[in-house]
Amino acid sequence: MGINVHLQDERGTDLRIVADPDMLLPALLRRPEVGGSTCLRFVLPYADTTFNHAQVSVLLGELAGLRPNLDGRTRAFVDSIVGLAEEAEHGTHLYLKFIGD
């Protein structure tokens, strides 16, 4: 199983989920350019990582930088994550949580 991405409220209630059954996110995180990132490098395949609205702003920039070099399937997956991240960035008491295996 891959790393699922959850948009959660302050109580940890899932509002939306982007599932990763094809393990696209672990493959993305192994890309060399992720190693120098501010946020993405801290997403762990076997643990949970949570970003608040301020951190999500940085994460969105990192995802935008990766996007042009991705295949169509991975790009569509990243676009789904971007949608959740934008909600977290503009919402109140919303968090983006990456849930590893």
Protein backbone atom coordinates (compact mmCIF):
# COMPACT_ATOMS: atom_id res chain seq x y z
CA MET A 1 0.00 0.00 0.00
CA GLY A 2 1.15 3.53 -0.69
CA ILE A 3 0.89 6.70 1.32
CA ASN A 4 -2.67 8.00 1.55
CA VAL A 5 -3.26 11.73 1.92
CA HIS A 6 -6.05 12.97 4.19
CA LEU A 7 -7.55 16.41 4.62
CA GLN A 8 -8.50 16.55 8.30
CA ASP A 9 -10.11 19.01 10.64
CA GLU A 10 -8.76 19.93 14.07
CA ARG A 11 -10.34 16.83 15.65
CA GLY A 12 -8.62 14.52 13.15
CA THR A 13 -11.84 13.83 11.27
CA ASP A 14 -11.23 12.92 7.64
CA LEU A 15 -12.92 15.37 5.28
CA ARG A 16 -11.41 14.00 2.05
CA ILE A 17 -8.90 11.31 1.17
CA VAL A 18 -6.62 10.69 -1.80
CA ALA A 19 -5.76 7.00 -1.75
CA ASP A 20 -2.49 5.68 -3.16
CA PRO A 21 -3.11 2.00 -4.02
CA ASP A 22 -0.50 2.08 -6.80
CA MET A 23 2.29 3.38 -4.52
CA LEU A 24 2.84 6.49 -6.61
CA LEU A 25 3.77 8.70 -3.68
CA PRO A 26 6.60 6.48 -2.35
CA ALA A 27 8.09 6.45 -5.87
CA LEU A 28 7.75 10.23 -6.09
CA LEU A 29 9.50 10.68 -2.74
CA ARG A 30 12.51 8.73 -4.01
CA ARG A 31 13.19 11.29 -6.75
CA PRO A 32 16.54 13.06 -6.21
CA GLU A 33 15.02 16.57 -6.22
CA VAL A 34 12.85 15.70 -3.20
CA GLY A 35 15.97 15.28 -1.03
CA GLY A 36 16.54 19.04 -0.97
CA SER A 37 12.92 19.95 -0.37
CA THR A 38 11.62 21.65 2.74
CA CYS A 39 8.47 19.59 3.31
CA LEU A 40 8.32 16.58 1.00
CA ARG A 41 11.57 15.10 2.32
CA PHE A 42 9.88 14.64 5.70
CA VAL A 43 7.02 12.50 4.40
CA LEU A 44 7.84 9.01 5.63
CA PRO A 45 6.57 5.86 3.89
CA TYR A 46 6.03 4.00 7.17
CA ALA A 47 4.82 6.77 9.45
CA ASP A 48 2.37 9.66 9.51
CA THR A 49 3.31 13.24 8.61
CA THR A 50 1.02 16.22 9.21
CA PHE A 51 1.28 19.70 7.69
CA ASN A 52 -0.57 22.81 8.89
CA HIS A 53 -1.83 25.57 6.58
CA ALA A 54 1.46 27.52 6.67
CA GLN A 55 3.52 24.43 5.83
CA VAL A 56 1.08 23.43 3.10
CA SER A 57 1.92 26.68 1.26
CA VAL A 58 5.54 25.51 0.96
CA LEU A 59 4.45 21.99 0.05
CA LEU A 60 2.31 23.34 -2.81
CA GLY A 61 5.36 25.06 -4.28
CA GLU A 62 7.36 21.85 -4.09
CA LEU A 63 4.63 19.86 -5.81
CA ALA A 64 4.34 22.49 -8.53
CA GLY A 65 8.08 22.22 -9.15
CA LEU A 66 7.90 18.44 -9.55
CA ARG A 67 4.78 18.38 -11.70
CA PRO A 68 6.28 19.15 -15.17
CA ASN A 69 8.64 16.16 -14.96
CA LEU A 70 6.00 13.57 -14.04
CA ASP A 71 4.22 11.03 -16.20
CA GLY A 72 0.50 11.57 -16.75
CA ARG A 73 -0.70 9.13 -14.10
CA THR A 74 1.59 10.52 -11.41
CA ARG A 75 0.74 14.09 -12.44
CA ALA A 76 -2.99 13.37 -12.03
CA PHE A 77 -2.29 11.87 -8.60
CA VAL A 78 -0.26 14.93 -7.57
CA ASP A 79 -3.07 17.18 -8.82
CA SER A 80 -5.44 15.37 -6.45
CA ILE A 81 -3.06 16.05 -3.56
CA VAL A 82 -2.78 19.68 -4.64
CA GLY A 83 -6.57 19.99 -4.42
CA LEU A 84 -6.53 18.81 -0.80
CA ALA A 85 -3.54 21.00 0.00
CA GLU A 86 -5.25 24.09 -1.40
CA GLU A 87 -8.26 23.42 0.81
CA ALA A 88 -5.99 23.08 3.84
CA GLU A 89 -4.11 26.25 2.92
CA HIS A 90 -7.25 28.37 2.68
CA GLY A 91 -9.33 26.71 5.38
CA THR A 92 -9.46 27.18 9.10
CA HIS A 93 -8.08 24.46 11.38
CA LEU A 94 -7.45 22.11 8.46
CA TYR A 95 -4.46 19.81 8.13
CA LEU A 96 -2.95 17.68 5.40
CA LYS A 97 -1.91 14.31 6.77
CA PHE A 98 0.18 11.76 4.88
CA ILE A 99 -0.51 8.33 6.34
CA GLY A 100 2.17 5.76 5.63
CA ASP A 101 1.92 2.02 5.69
